[in-house]
Amino acid sequence: MFKIYVYIFDTLADWELGYVIAELNSGRFFKKDAPRVSVKTVGISKEPVKTMGGLTIVPDCVIDDIAVNDKSVLLLPGGNTWDNPKHGTIVKKAEELLSVGATVCTICGATVALANAGLLDQRPHTSNGTGFLEMTCPSYKGQSLYIDKLSVSDHNLITAGAAGALLWTRQIIEHLGVFQSDTLDFWYEFFNTGDPQFFFALMQTLSNTDK
């Protein structure tokens, strides 16, 4: 079973998580033999946090509760407070998870935290532009491995810029293998284009699974 840990904190960018947590938690488009998935929010403490959109969320668990194994997935959303040293604990946990083959998925401001820790210096990645990382991370040395795309998947590290939430979600779902490939293709095309033909094609792939 995959354990999905969603890091939450004051000012987190709600919309960047919308696609991925909805699909992983609901399992509505999962293939018949998909592995089970558990989604939990994780915080520095159990104190409620308030998102950028004004939602109040109480964490399900704290950072020390994260299981360190290759079935864990850590989602790190953007937000306005990633320069706060208090996030150092989750960054260290992300490094630990990467070292054991767990999956770490970062988007927007969270890529800054990983860059500051040197975790993007040796791996293909993306963010909001190389200039953005250079501006926010004086010690950043990963320019040669920066890929100018909305989202980049490198084995168990998946990074995205602020506008890349949809593609980031697609790459996370693909990495976890919980959708049929054609289901994922049509899911992505529908939400990317809004063309109803892709919605009907998506639903047809589900009827073919005998769920």
N, C-alpha and C. Protein backbone atom coordinates (compact mmCIF):
# COMPACT_ATOMS: atom_id res chain seq x y z
N MET A 1 0.84 -1.20 0.00
CA MET A 1 0.00 0.00 0.00
C MET A 1 0.88 1.25 0.00
N PHE A 2 0.53 2.20 -0.85
CA PHE A 2 1.23 3.47 -0.84
C PHE A 2 0.65 4.36 0.26
N LYS A 3 1.53 4.98 1.02
CA LYS A 3 1.11 5.97 2.01
C LYS A 3 1.49 7.35 1.49
N ILE A 4 0.47 8.14 1.21
CA ILE A 4 0.68 9.48 0.68
C ILE A 4 0.65 10.47 1.83
N TYR A 5 1.73 11.20 2.03
CA TYR A 5 1.79 12.21 3.08
C TYR A 5 1.78 13.59 2.42
N VAL A 6 0.79 14.39 2.77
CA VAL A 6 0.63 15.73 2.21
C VAL A 6 1.08 16.74 3.26
N TYR A 7 2.19 17.39 3.03
CA TYR A 7 2.71 18.35 4.01
C TYR A 7 1.87 19.62 3.97
N ILE A 8 1.34 20.01 5.14
CA ILE A 8 0.50 21.20 5.20
C ILE A 8 1.09 22.21 6.18
N PHE A 9 0.90 23.48 5.86
CA PHE A 9 1.48 24.55 6.66
C PHE A 9 0.75 25.85 6.32
N ASP A 10 0.87 26.83 7.17
CA ASP A 10 0.24 28.12 6.91
C ASP A 10 0.72 28.70 5.58
N THR A 11 -0.20 29.17 4.77
CA THR A 11 0.00 29.79 3.44
C THR A 11 0.17 28.79 2.31
N LEU A 12 0.01 27.48 2.54
CA LEU A 12 0.20 26.54 1.44
C LEU A 12 -0.76 26.86 0.29
N ALA A 13 -0.30 26.62 -0.92
CA ALA A 13 -1.06 26.92 -2.14
C ALA A 13 -2.04 25.79 -2.42
N ASP A 14 -3.28 25.99 -2.00
CA ASP A 14 -4.31 24.95 -2.08
C ASP A 14 -4.43 24.30 -3.46
N TRP A 15 -4.50 25.15 -4.48
CA TRP A 15 -4.84 24.67 -5.83
C TRP A 15 -3.80 23.73 -6.41
N GLU A 16 -2.56 23.84 -5.94
CA GLU A 16 -1.51 22.99 -6.49
C GLU A 16 -1.70 21.53 -6.11
N LEU A 17 -2.45 21.28 -5.06
CA LEU A 17 -2.70 19.92 -4.59
C LEU A 17 -4.02 19.35 -5.09
N GLY A 18 -4.89 20.20 -5.66
CA GLY A 18 -6.26 19.80 -5.95
C GLY A 18 -6.41 18.54 -6.77
N TYR A 19 -5.76 18.49 -7.92
CA TYR A 19 -5.90 17.32 -8.80
C TYR A 19 -5.36 16.05 -8.14
N VAL A 20 -4.16 16.15 -7.59
CA VAL A 20 -3.50 14.92 -7.15
C VAL A 20 -4.15 14.32 -5.91
N ILE A 21 -4.51 15.13 -4.92
CA ILE A 21 -5.10 14.52 -3.73
C ILE A 21 -6.52 14.02 -3.99
N ALA A 22 -7.24 14.70 -4.89
CA ALA A 22 -8.59 14.23 -5.22
C ALA A 22 -8.55 12.86 -5.88
N GLU A 23 -7.65 12.68 -6.83
CA GLU A 23 -7.60 11.40 -7.54
C GLU A 23 -7.02 10.28 -6.68
N LEU A 24 -5.98 10.58 -5.91
CA LEU A 24 -5.38 9.52 -5.10
C LEU A 24 -6.27 9.13 -3.94
N ASN A 25 -6.98 10.10 -3.35
CA ASN A 25 -7.84 9.78 -2.22
C ASN A 25 -9.12 9.08 -2.65
N SER A 26 -9.72 9.54 -3.74
CA SER A 26 -11.00 8.95 -4.17
C SER A 26 -10.81 7.61 -4.87
N GLY A 27 -9.72 7.47 -5.61
CA GLY A 27 -9.50 6.25 -6.38
C GLY A 27 -10.54 6.02 -7.47
N ARG A 28 -11.25 7.08 -7.86
CA ARG A 28 -12.39 6.90 -8.76
C ARG A 28 -11.99 6.41 -10.15
N PHE A 29 -10.77 6.64 -10.57
CA PHE A 29 -10.33 6.20 -11.89
C PHE A 29 -9.23 5.13 -11.81
N PHE A 30 -9.06 4.55 -10.64
CA PHE A 30 -8.01 3.54 -10.47
C PHE A 30 -8.33 2.30 -11.32
N LYS A 31 -7.29 1.64 -11.77
CA LYS A 31 -7.47 0.38 -12.47
C LYS A 31 -7.86 -0.71 -11.48
N LYS A 32 -8.36 -1.80 -11.99
CA LYS A 32 -8.94 -2.86 -11.16
C LYS A 32 -7.95 -3.40 -10.13
N ASP A 33 -6.71 -3.60 -10.53
CA ASP A 33 -5.72 -4.21 -9.63
C ASP A 33 -4.76 -3.18 -9.05
N ALA A 34 -5.17 -1.93 -8.95
CA ALA A 34 -4.31 -0.88 -8.43
C ALA A 34 -3.95 -1.14 -6.96
N PRO A 35 -2.73 -0.79 -6.58
CA PRO A 35 -2.38 -0.91 -5.15
C PRO A 35 -3.24 0.03 -4.32
N ARG A 36 -3.46 -0.33 -3.07
CA ARG A 36 -4.24 0.53 -2.18
C ARG A 36 -3.43 1.78 -1.84
N VAL A 37 -4.16 2.86 -1.59
CA VAL A 37 -3.53 4.14 -1.30
C VAL A 37 -4.17 4.76 -0.07
N SER A 38 -3.35 5.28 0.82
CA SER A 38 -3.82 6.00 2.00
C SER A 38 -3.27 7.43 1.92
N VAL A 39 -4.15 8.42 2.10
CA VAL A 39 -3.74 9.83 2.03
C VAL A 39 -3.88 10.46 3.40
N LYS A 40 -2.79 11.02 3.92
CA LYS A 40 -2.80 11.68 5.21
C LYS A 40 -2.12 13.04 5.12
N THR A 41 -2.64 14.01 5.87
CA THR A 41 -1.96 15.29 5.98
C THR A 41 -0.96 15.22 7.12
N VAL A 42 0.18 15.90 6.93
CA VAL A 42 1.23 15.86 7.94
C VAL A 42 1.70 17.29 8.20
N GLY A 43 1.88 17.60 9.47
CA GLY A 43 2.31 18.94 9.85
C GLY A 43 3.49 18.91 10.80
N ILE A 44 4.02 20.08 11.06
CA ILE A 44 5.10 20.20 12.04
C ILE A 44 4.57 19.81 13.42
N SER A 45 3.31 20.14 13.67
CA SER A 45 2.63 19.75 14.90
C SER A 45 1.20 19.39 14.54
N LYS A 46 0.40 19.11 15.52
CA LYS A 46 -1.01 18.80 15.28
C LYS A 46 -1.88 20.07 15.29
N GLU A 47 -1.25 21.23 15.39
CA GLU A 47 -1.99 22.48 15.41
C GLU A 47 -2.59 22.76 14.03
N PRO A 48 -3.81 23.32 13.97
CA PRO A 48 -4.43 23.64 12.68
C PRO A 48 -3.58 24.63 11.89
N VAL A 49 -3.64 24.51 10.57
CA VAL A 49 -2.97 25.48 9.69
C VAL A 49 -4.01 26.13 8.81
N LYS A 50 -3.66 27.30 8.28
CA LYS A 50 -4.58 28.00 7.38
C LYS A 50 -3.90 28.16 6.03
N THR A 51 -4.56 27.67 4.99
CA THR A 51 -4.00 27.70 3.64
C THR A 51 -4.10 29.10 3.04
N MET A 52 -3.47 29.28 1.89
CA MET A 52 -3.53 30.55 1.19
C MET A 52 -4.97 30.90 0.82
N GLY A 53 -5.77 29.87 0.59
CA GLY A 53 -7.17 30.07 0.25
C GLY A 53 -8.07 30.27 1.47
N GLY A 54 -7.49 30.25 2.66
CA GLY A 54 -8.26 30.51 3.87
C GLY A 54 -8.89 29.28 4.49
N LEU A 55 -8.55 28.10 4.01
CA LEU A 55 -9.09 26.87 4.60
C LEU A 55 -8.29 26.48 5.84
N THR A 56 -8.97 26.03 6.85
CA THR A 56 -8.30 25.55 8.06
C THR A 56 -8.23 24.03 8.02
N ILE A 57 -7.03 23.50 8.18
CA ILE A 57 -6.82 22.05 8.12
C ILE A 57 -6.06 21.60 9.37
N VAL A 58 -6.53 20.52 9.97
CA VAL A 58 -5.85 19.94 11.12
C VAL A 58 -5.04 18.73 10.64
N PRO A 59 -3.73 18.72 10.83
CA PRO A 59 -2.91 17.60 10.36
C PRO A 59 -3.33 16.27 10.96
N ASP A 60 -3.26 15.22 10.15
CA ASP A 60 -3.54 13.86 10.64
C ASP A 60 -2.40 13.32 11.48
N CYS A 61 -1.17 13.75 11.15
CA CYS A 61 -0.01 13.24 11.85
C CYS A 61 1.11 14.27 11.79
N VAL A 62 2.22 13.96 12.43
CA VAL A 62 3.38 14.86 12.43
C VAL A 62 4.52 14.20 11.66
N ILE A 63 5.56 14.98 11.43
CA ILE A 63 6.66 14.53 10.56
C ILE A 63 7.29 13.23 11.05
N ASP A 64 7.45 13.08 12.36
CA ASP A 64 8.06 11.86 12.89
C ASP A 64 7.24 10.61 12.62
N ASP A 65 5.97 10.78 12.26
CA ASP A 65 5.10 9.64 11.98
C ASP A 65 5.26 9.10 10.56
N ILE A 66 5.98 9.82 9.72
CA ILE A 66 6.13 9.39 8.32
C ILE A 66 6.93 8.09 8.26
N ALA A 67 6.37 7.10 7.60
CA ALA A 67 7.07 5.82 7.42
C ALA A 67 8.17 5.98 6.38
N VAL A 68 9.38 5.61 6.74
CA VAL A 68 10.52 5.77 5.83
C VAL A 68 10.76 4.45 5.11
N ASN A 69 10.09 4.28 3.97
CA ASN A 69 10.28 3.11 3.12
C ASN A 69 9.85 3.46 1.70
N ASP A 70 10.06 2.54 0.77
CA ASP A 70 9.84 2.87 -0.63
C ASP A 70 8.38 2.93 -1.03
N LYS A 71 7.47 2.69 -0.11
CA LYS A 71 6.04 2.81 -0.39
C LYS A 71 5.47 4.15 0.09
N SER A 72 6.31 4.99 0.63
CA SER A 72 5.86 6.30 1.09
C SER A 72 6.00 7.33 -0.04
N VAL A 73 5.06 8.27 -0.07
CA VAL A 73 5.06 9.35 -1.05
C VAL A 73 4.84 10.65 -0.29
N LEU A 74 5.75 11.61 -0.46
CA LEU A 74 5.64 12.89 0.21
C LEU A 74 5.32 13.97 -0.81
N LEU A 75 4.21 14.67 -0.60
CA LEU A 75 3.81 15.78 -1.47
C LEU A 75 4.12 17.09 -0.76
N LEU A 76 4.93 17.93 -1.41
CA LEU A 76 5.31 19.22 -0.84
C LEU A 76 4.78 20.33 -1.74
N PRO A 77 3.69 21.00 -1.33
CA PRO A 77 3.11 22.06 -2.14
C PRO A 77 3.85 23.38 -1.95
N GLY A 78 3.57 24.33 -2.83
CA GLY A 78 4.13 25.66 -2.69
C GLY A 78 3.46 26.42 -1.56
N GLY A 79 3.97 27.60 -1.30
CA GLY A 79 3.44 28.45 -0.25
C GLY A 79 4.35 29.64 -0.05
N ASN A 80 3.94 30.57 0.79
CA ASN A 80 4.70 31.80 0.96
C ASN A 80 5.72 31.76 2.08
N THR A 81 5.87 30.63 2.75
CA THR A 81 6.73 30.60 3.94
C THR A 81 7.87 29.60 3.85
N TRP A 82 8.22 29.16 2.66
CA TRP A 82 9.25 28.14 2.55
C TRP A 82 10.64 28.63 2.97
N ASP A 83 10.81 29.94 3.11
CA ASP A 83 12.10 30.46 3.58
C ASP A 83 12.21 30.42 5.10
N ASN A 84 11.15 29.96 5.78
CA ASN A 84 11.17 29.86 7.23
C ASN A 84 11.95 28.61 7.65
N PRO A 85 12.93 28.76 8.56
CA PRO A 85 13.74 27.60 8.98
C PRO A 85 12.92 26.45 9.57
N LYS A 86 11.68 26.71 9.98
CA LYS A 86 10.88 25.65 10.59
C LYS A 86 10.62 24.50 9.63
N HIS A 87 10.74 24.76 8.32
CA HIS A 87 10.51 23.70 7.35
C HIS A 87 11.73 22.79 7.15
N GLY A 88 12.80 23.10 7.86
CA GLY A 88 14.01 22.28 7.72
C GLY A 88 13.79 20.83 8.07
N THR A 89 12.89 20.56 9.01
CA THR A 89 12.63 19.18 9.43
C THR A 89 12.02 18.35 8.31
N ILE A 90 11.07 18.94 7.57
CA ILE A 90 10.45 18.18 6.48
C ILE A 90 11.41 18.03 5.31
N VAL A 91 12.29 19.00 5.11
CA VAL A 91 13.28 18.88 4.04
C VAL A 91 14.25 17.74 4.35
N LYS A 92 14.67 17.63 5.60
CA LYS A 92 15.54 16.52 6.00
C LYS A 92 14.82 15.18 5.82
N LYS A 93 13.52 15.17 6.12
CA LYS A 93 12.74 13.95 5.93
C LYS A 93 12.65 13.61 4.45
N ALA A 94 12.49 14.62 3.60
CA ALA A 94 12.45 14.39 2.14
C ALA A 94 13.76 13.77 1.66
N GLU A 95 14.87 14.27 2.17
CA GLU A 95 16.17 13.71 1.80
C GLU A 95 16.28 12.25 2.24
N GLU A 96 15.81 11.97 3.43
CA GLU A 96 15.83 10.60 3.94
C GLU A 96 14.95 9.69 3.09
N LEU A 97 13.79 10.17 2.71
CA LEU A 97 12.87 9.38 1.89
C LEU A 97 13.48 9.09 0.52
N LEU A 98 14.07 10.10 -0.10
CA LEU A 98 14.70 9.90 -1.41
C LEU A 98 15.79 8.83 -1.33
N SER A 99 16.51 8.82 -0.22
CA SER A 99 17.64 7.89 -0.08
C SER A 99 17.21 6.43 0.01
N VAL A 100 15.95 6.18 0.42
CA VAL A 100 15.47 4.80 0.53
C VAL A 100 14.56 4.41 -0.64
N GLY A 101 14.44 5.29 -1.63
CA GLY A 101 13.63 4.97 -2.80
C GLY A 101 12.18 5.40 -2.70
N ALA A 102 11.82 6.13 -1.63
CA ALA A 102 10.47 6.67 -1.54
C ALA A 102 10.32 7.81 -2.55
N THR A 103 9.08 8.23 -2.80
CA THR A 103 8.80 9.24 -3.81
C THR A 103 8.57 10.59 -3.15
N VAL A 104 9.27 11.61 -3.65
CA VAL A 104 9.09 12.98 -3.17
C VAL A 104 8.66 13.84 -4.33
N CYS A 105 7.55 14.56 -4.14
CA CYS A 105 6.96 15.37 -5.21
C CYS A 105 6.83 16.80 -4.72
N THR A 106 7.54 17.71 -5.37
CA THR A 106 7.55 19.11 -4.94
C THR A 106 7.09 20.01 -6.06
N ILE A 107 6.45 21.11 -5.69
CA ILE A 107 5.94 22.04 -6.69
C ILE A 107 6.15 23.48 -6.19
N CYS A 108 6.46 24.35 -7.12
CA CYS A 108 6.57 25.79 -6.87
C CYS A 108 7.56 26.08 -5.73
N GLY A 109 7.11 26.77 -4.69
CA GLY A 109 8.01 27.18 -3.62
C GLY A 109 8.71 26.05 -2.91
N ALA A 110 8.12 24.87 -2.92
CA ALA A 110 8.77 23.73 -2.27
C ALA A 110 10.06 23.33 -2.98
N THR A 111 10.15 23.62 -4.28
CA THR A 111 11.40 23.31 -4.99
C THR A 111 12.54 24.17 -4.46
N VAL A 112 12.21 25.36 -3.97
CA VAL A 112 13.23 26.24 -3.40
C VAL A 112 13.86 25.59 -2.17
N ALA A 113 13.02 24.99 -1.34
CA ALA A 113 13.52 24.34 -0.13
C ALA A 113 14.47 23.20 -0.48
N LEU A 114 14.12 22.42 -1.49
CA LEU A 114 15.00 21.32 -1.88
C LEU A 114 16.28 21.84 -2.52
N ALA A 115 16.16 22.91 -3.29
CA ALA A 115 17.35 23.51 -3.91
C ALA A 115 18.30 24.05 -2.85
N ASN A 116 17.76 24.69 -1.84
CA ASN A 116 18.59 25.23 -0.76
C ASN A 116 19.33 24.13 -0.01
N ALA A 117 18.73 22.93 0.01
CA ALA A 117 19.35 21.80 0.69
C ALA A 117 20.31 21.04 -0.22
N GLY A 118 20.46 21.50 -1.46
CA GLY A 118 21.35 20.83 -2.41
C GLY A 118 20.77 19.60 -3.06
N LEU A 119 19.48 19.35 -2.86
CA LEU A 119 18.88 18.11 -3.37
C LEU A 119 18.57 18.16 -4.86
N LEU A 120 18.69 19.34 -5.47
CA LEU A 120 18.45 19.45 -6.91
C LEU A 120 19.75 19.63 -7.70
N ASP A 121 20.87 19.63 -7.03
CA ASP A 121 22.14 19.89 -7.70
C ASP A 121 22.59 18.75 -8.60
N GLN A 122 22.14 17.52 -8.31
CA GLN A 122 22.62 16.35 -9.04
C GLN A 122 21.53 15.60 -9.77
N ARG A 123 20.33 16.19 -9.86
CA ARG A 123 19.21 15.47 -10.48
C ARG A 123 18.44 16.38 -11.43
N PRO A 124 17.94 15.83 -12.56
CA PRO A 124 17.07 16.63 -13.43
C PRO A 124 15.86 17.14 -12.65
N HIS A 125 15.48 18.38 -12.92
CA HIS A 125 14.39 19.00 -12.15
C HIS A 125 13.88 20.22 -12.89
N THR A 126 12.79 20.77 -12.34
CA THR A 126 12.28 22.04 -12.84
C THR A 126 11.76 22.85 -11.66
N SER A 127 11.33 24.06 -11.96
CA SER A 127 10.77 24.96 -10.95
C SER A 127 10.08 26.10 -11.71
N ASN A 128 10.21 27.30 -11.19
CA ASN A 128 9.62 28.47 -11.86
C ASN A 128 10.64 29.20 -12.72
N GLY A 129 11.66 28.47 -13.16
CA GLY A 129 12.72 29.05 -13.99
C GLY A 129 14.06 29.00 -13.27
N THR A 130 15.15 28.85 -14.01
CA THR A 130 16.47 28.81 -13.38
C THR A 130 16.75 30.12 -12.67
N GLY A 131 16.30 31.22 -13.26
CA GLY A 131 16.50 32.52 -12.63
C GLY A 131 15.82 32.58 -11.27
N PHE A 132 14.67 31.93 -11.16
CA PHE A 132 13.94 31.90 -9.89
C PHE A 132 14.75 31.18 -8.83
N LEU A 133 15.30 30.03 -9.19
CA LEU A 133 16.09 29.27 -8.21
C LEU A 133 17.38 29.99 -7.86
N GLU A 134 18.01 30.62 -8.85
CA GLU A 134 19.23 31.37 -8.57
C GLU A 134 18.96 32.55 -7.66
N MET A 135 17.81 33.18 -7.84
CA MET A 135 17.44 34.34 -7.03
C MET A 135 17.13 33.95 -5.59
N THR A 136 16.48 32.80 -5.43
CA THR A 136 16.03 32.39 -4.10
C THR A 136 17.02 31.45 -3.40
N CYS A 137 17.95 30.88 -4.15
CA CYS A 137 18.90 29.91 -3.58
C CYS A 137 20.32 30.27 -4.00
N PRO A 138 21.00 31.09 -3.25
CA PRO A 138 22.37 31.51 -3.63
C PRO A 138 23.34 30.34 -3.82
N SER A 139 23.09 29.22 -3.13
CA SER A 139 24.01 28.08 -3.22
C SER A 139 23.62 27.09 -4.31
N TYR A 140 22.57 27.37 -5.07
CA TYR A 140 22.06 26.46 -6.10
C TYR A 140 23.11 26.19 -7.18
N LYS A 141 23.36 24.92 -7.48
CA LYS A 141 24.36 24.53 -8.48
C LYS A 141 23.79 23.55 -9.51
N GLY A 142 22.47 23.52 -9.63
CA GLY A 142 21.86 22.55 -10.52
C GLY A 142 21.46 23.07 -11.88
N GLN A 143 22.02 24.21 -12.30
CA GLN A 143 21.59 24.83 -13.56
C GLN A 143 21.71 23.90 -14.76
N SER A 144 22.73 23.09 -14.80
CA SER A 144 22.95 22.22 -15.97
C SER A 144 21.92 21.10 -16.05
N LEU A 145 21.23 20.82 -14.95
CA LEU A 145 20.23 19.76 -14.92
C LEU A 145 18.81 20.31 -14.89
N TYR A 146 18.69 21.63 -15.03
CA TYR A 146 17.36 22.25 -15.04
C TYR A 146 16.70 21.99 -16.40
N ILE A 147 15.44 21.56 -16.38
CA ILE A 147 14.67 21.30 -17.59
C ILE A 147 13.50 22.27 -17.64
N ASP A 148 13.41 23.02 -18.71
CA ASP A 148 12.39 24.06 -18.82
C ASP A 148 11.06 23.47 -19.26
N LYS A 149 10.43 22.73 -18.34
CA LYS A 149 9.11 22.15 -18.57
C LYS A 149 8.24 22.40 -17.35
N LEU A 150 6.92 22.22 -17.51
CA LEU A 150 6.01 22.45 -16.39
C LEU A 150 6.25 21.50 -15.24
N SER A 151 6.61 20.25 -15.56
CA SER A 151 6.87 19.25 -14.54
C SER A 151 7.89 18.26 -15.07
N VAL A 152 8.75 17.77 -14.20
CA VAL A 152 9.82 16.85 -14.59
C VAL A 152 9.86 15.68 -13.61
N SER A 153 9.83 14.47 -14.15
CA SER A 153 9.91 13.27 -13.33
C SER A 153 11.27 12.61 -13.51
N ASP A 154 11.99 12.45 -12.41
CA ASP A 154 13.29 11.77 -12.43
C ASP A 154 13.26 10.66 -11.38
N HIS A 155 12.85 9.49 -11.84
CA HIS A 155 12.72 8.34 -10.94
C HIS A 155 11.78 8.68 -9.77
N ASN A 156 12.32 8.78 -8.57
CA ASN A 156 11.45 9.00 -7.40
C ASN A 156 11.38 10.46 -6.96
N LEU A 157 11.86 11.38 -7.81
CA LEU A 157 11.73 12.81 -7.54
C LEU A 157 10.94 13.45 -8.67
N ILE A 158 9.84 14.12 -8.33
CA ILE A 158 8.99 14.77 -9.33
C ILE A 158 8.83 16.23 -8.92
N THR A 159 9.30 17.13 -9.79
CA THR A 159 9.28 18.55 -9.49
C THR A 159 8.43 19.29 -10.51
N ALA A 160 7.87 20.42 -10.08
CA ALA A 160 7.02 21.20 -10.99
C ALA A 160 7.08 22.67 -10.62
N GLY A 161 6.76 23.51 -11.61
CA GLY A 161 6.62 24.93 -11.37
C GLY A 161 5.19 25.25 -10.98
N ALA A 162 4.95 26.54 -10.69
CA ALA A 162 3.65 26.97 -10.16
C ALA A 162 2.50 26.63 -11.09
N ALA A 163 2.74 26.64 -12.40
CA ALA A 163 1.67 26.38 -13.38
C ALA A 163 1.60 24.91 -13.80
N GLY A 164 2.34 24.05 -13.12
CA GLY A 164 2.46 22.67 -13.58
C GLY A 164 1.66 21.64 -12.82
N ALA A 165 0.66 22.05 -12.04
CA ALA A 165 -0.04 21.10 -11.17
C ALA A 165 -0.68 19.94 -11.91
N LEU A 166 -1.25 20.19 -13.09
CA LEU A 166 -1.93 19.12 -13.83
C LEU A 166 -0.93 18.08 -14.33
N LEU A 167 0.15 18.54 -14.97
CA LEU A 167 1.16 17.61 -15.47
C LEU A 167 1.86 16.92 -14.31
N TRP A 168 2.11 17.64 -13.23
CA TRP A 168 2.72 17.06 -12.02
C TRP A 168 1.87 15.90 -11.52
N THR A 169 0.55 16.12 -11.48
CA THR A 169 -0.36 15.05 -11.06
C THR A 169 -0.28 13.86 -12.00
N ARG A 170 -0.26 14.12 -13.29
CA ARG A 170 -0.16 13.02 -14.25
C ARG A 170 1.11 12.20 -14.00
N GLN A 171 2.22 12.87 -13.78
CA GLN A 171 3.47 12.15 -13.58
C GLN A 171 3.49 11.37 -12.27
N ILE A 172 2.85 11.92 -11.26
CA ILE A 172 2.76 11.20 -9.98
C ILE A 172 1.91 9.94 -10.14
N ILE A 173 0.76 10.09 -10.78
CA ILE A 173 -0.13 8.93 -10.99
C ILE A 173 0.57 7.87 -11.85
N GLU A 174 1.26 8.33 -12.88
CA GLU A 174 1.99 7.38 -13.74
C GLU A 174 3.07 6.65 -12.94
N HIS A 175 3.79 7.38 -12.12
CA HIS A 175 4.85 6.77 -11.31
C HIS A 175 4.30 5.71 -10.35
N LEU A 176 3.14 5.98 -9.78
CA LEU A 176 2.53 5.04 -8.83
C LEU A 176 1.84 3.87 -9.52
N GLY A 177 1.51 4.04 -10.80
CA GLY A 177 0.91 2.95 -11.56
C GLY A 177 -0.51 2.59 -11.14
N VAL A 178 -1.29 3.57 -10.69
CA VAL A 178 -2.64 3.27 -10.21
C VAL A 178 -3.73 3.43 -11.28
N PHE A 179 -3.39 4.05 -12.41
CA PHE A 179 -4.32 4.16 -13.54
C PHE A 179 -3.86 3.24 -14.66
N GLN A 180 -4.79 2.76 -15.48
CA GLN A 180 -4.41 2.20 -16.76
C GLN A 180 -3.79 3.32 -17.59
N SER A 181 -2.90 2.98 -18.50
CA SER A 181 -2.23 4.02 -19.29
C SER A 181 -3.20 4.82 -20.14
N ASP A 182 -4.21 4.14 -20.74
CA ASP A 182 -5.16 4.88 -21.57
C ASP A 182 -6.08 5.74 -20.71
N THR A 183 -6.44 5.26 -19.53
CA THR A 183 -7.23 6.08 -18.61
C THR A 183 -6.49 7.36 -18.27
N LEU A 184 -5.22 7.24 -17.97
CA LEU A 184 -4.41 8.40 -17.61
C LEU A 184 -4.30 9.37 -18.79
N ASP A 185 -4.09 8.83 -19.99
CA ASP A 185 -3.99 9.69 -21.17
C ASP A 185 -5.26 10.52 -21.37
N PHE A 186 -6.41 9.85 -21.31
CA PHE A 186 -7.67 10.56 -21.54
C PHE A 186 -8.01 11.49 -20.37
N TRP A 187 -7.68 11.09 -19.15
CA TRP A 187 -7.87 11.95 -17.98
C TRP A 187 -7.11 13.26 -18.18
N TYR A 188 -5.86 13.13 -18.55
CA TYR A 188 -5.02 14.32 -18.72
C TYR A 188 -5.54 15.20 -19.86
N GLU A 189 -5.88 14.59 -20.98
CA GLU A 189 -6.34 15.38 -22.12
C GLU A 189 -7.66 16.09 -21.81
N PHE A 190 -8.54 15.44 -21.05
CA PHE A 190 -9.80 16.10 -20.72
C PHE A 190 -9.56 17.33 -19.86
N PHE A 191 -8.80 17.17 -18.80
CA PHE A 191 -8.58 18.32 -17.91
C PHE A 191 -7.66 19.37 -18.54
N ASN A 192 -6.84 18.94 -19.49
CA ASN A 192 -5.95 19.89 -20.15
C ASN A 192 -6.66 20.71 -21.22
N THR A 193 -7.65 20.09 -21.89
CA THR A 193 -8.31 20.77 -23.01
C THR A 193 -9.77 21.11 -22.76
N GLY A 194 -10.43 20.35 -21.90
CA GLY A 194 -11.85 20.53 -21.68
C GLY A 194 -12.72 19.92 -22.76
N ASP A 195 -12.13 19.22 -23.71
CA ASP A 195 -12.86 18.62 -24.82
C ASP A 195 -13.63 17.39 -24.30
N PRO A 196 -14.97 17.39 -24.42
CA PRO A 196 -15.76 16.29 -23.87
C PRO A 196 -15.48 14.94 -24.49
N GLN A 197 -14.91 14.90 -25.70
CA GLN A 197 -14.61 13.60 -26.29
C GLN A 197 -13.65 12.81 -25.42
N PHE A 198 -12.76 13.52 -24.72
CA PHE A 198 -11.79 12.83 -23.86
C PHE A 198 -12.46 12.32 -22.59
N PHE A 199 -13.49 13.01 -22.12
CA PHE A 199 -14.21 12.53 -20.95
C PHE A 199 -14.92 11.21 -21.26
N PHE A 200 -15.59 11.15 -22.41
CA PHE A 200 -16.29 9.92 -22.76
C PHE A 200 -15.31 8.78 -23.02
N ALA A 201 -14.16 9.12 -23.62
CA ALA A 201 -13.14 8.09 -23.83
C ALA A 201 -12.60 7.59 -22.49
N LEU A 202 -12.42 8.51 -21.55
CA LEU A 202 -11.99 8.16 -20.20
C LEU A 202 -12.96 7.19 -19.55
N MET A 203 -14.24 7.51 -19.61
CA MET A 203 -15.24 6.66 -18.98
C MET A 203 -15.31 5.29 -19.65
N GLN A 204 -15.05 5.25 -20.94
CA GLN A 204 -15.05 3.97 -21.66
C GLN A 204 -13.92 3.07 -21.16
N THR A 205 -12.78 3.64 -20.83
CA THR A 205 -11.67 2.81 -20.32
C THR A 205 -12.05 2.18 -18.98
N LEU A 206 -12.87 2.87 -18.21
CA LEU A 206 -13.30 2.32 -16.92
C LEU A 206 -14.27 1.17 -17.11
N SER A 207 -15.17 1.30 -18.08
CA SER A 207 -16.14 0.22 -18.32
C SER A 207 -15.46 -1.03 -18.85
N ASN A 208 -14.27 -0.84 -19.43
CA ASN A 208 -13.54 -2.00 -19.96
C ASN A 208 -12.77 -2.76 -18.89
N THR A 209 -12.73 -2.22 -17.66
CA THR A 209 -11.98 -2.89 -16.61
C THR A 209 -12.83 -3.85 -15.78
N ASP A 210 -14.15 -3.87 -16.05
CA ASP A 210 -15.07 -4.72 -15.29
C ASP A 210 -15.04 -4.40 -13.79
N LYS A 211 -14.89 -3.11 -13.48
CA LYS A 211 -14.90 -2.71 -12.07
C LYS A 211 -16.30 -2.78 -11.51
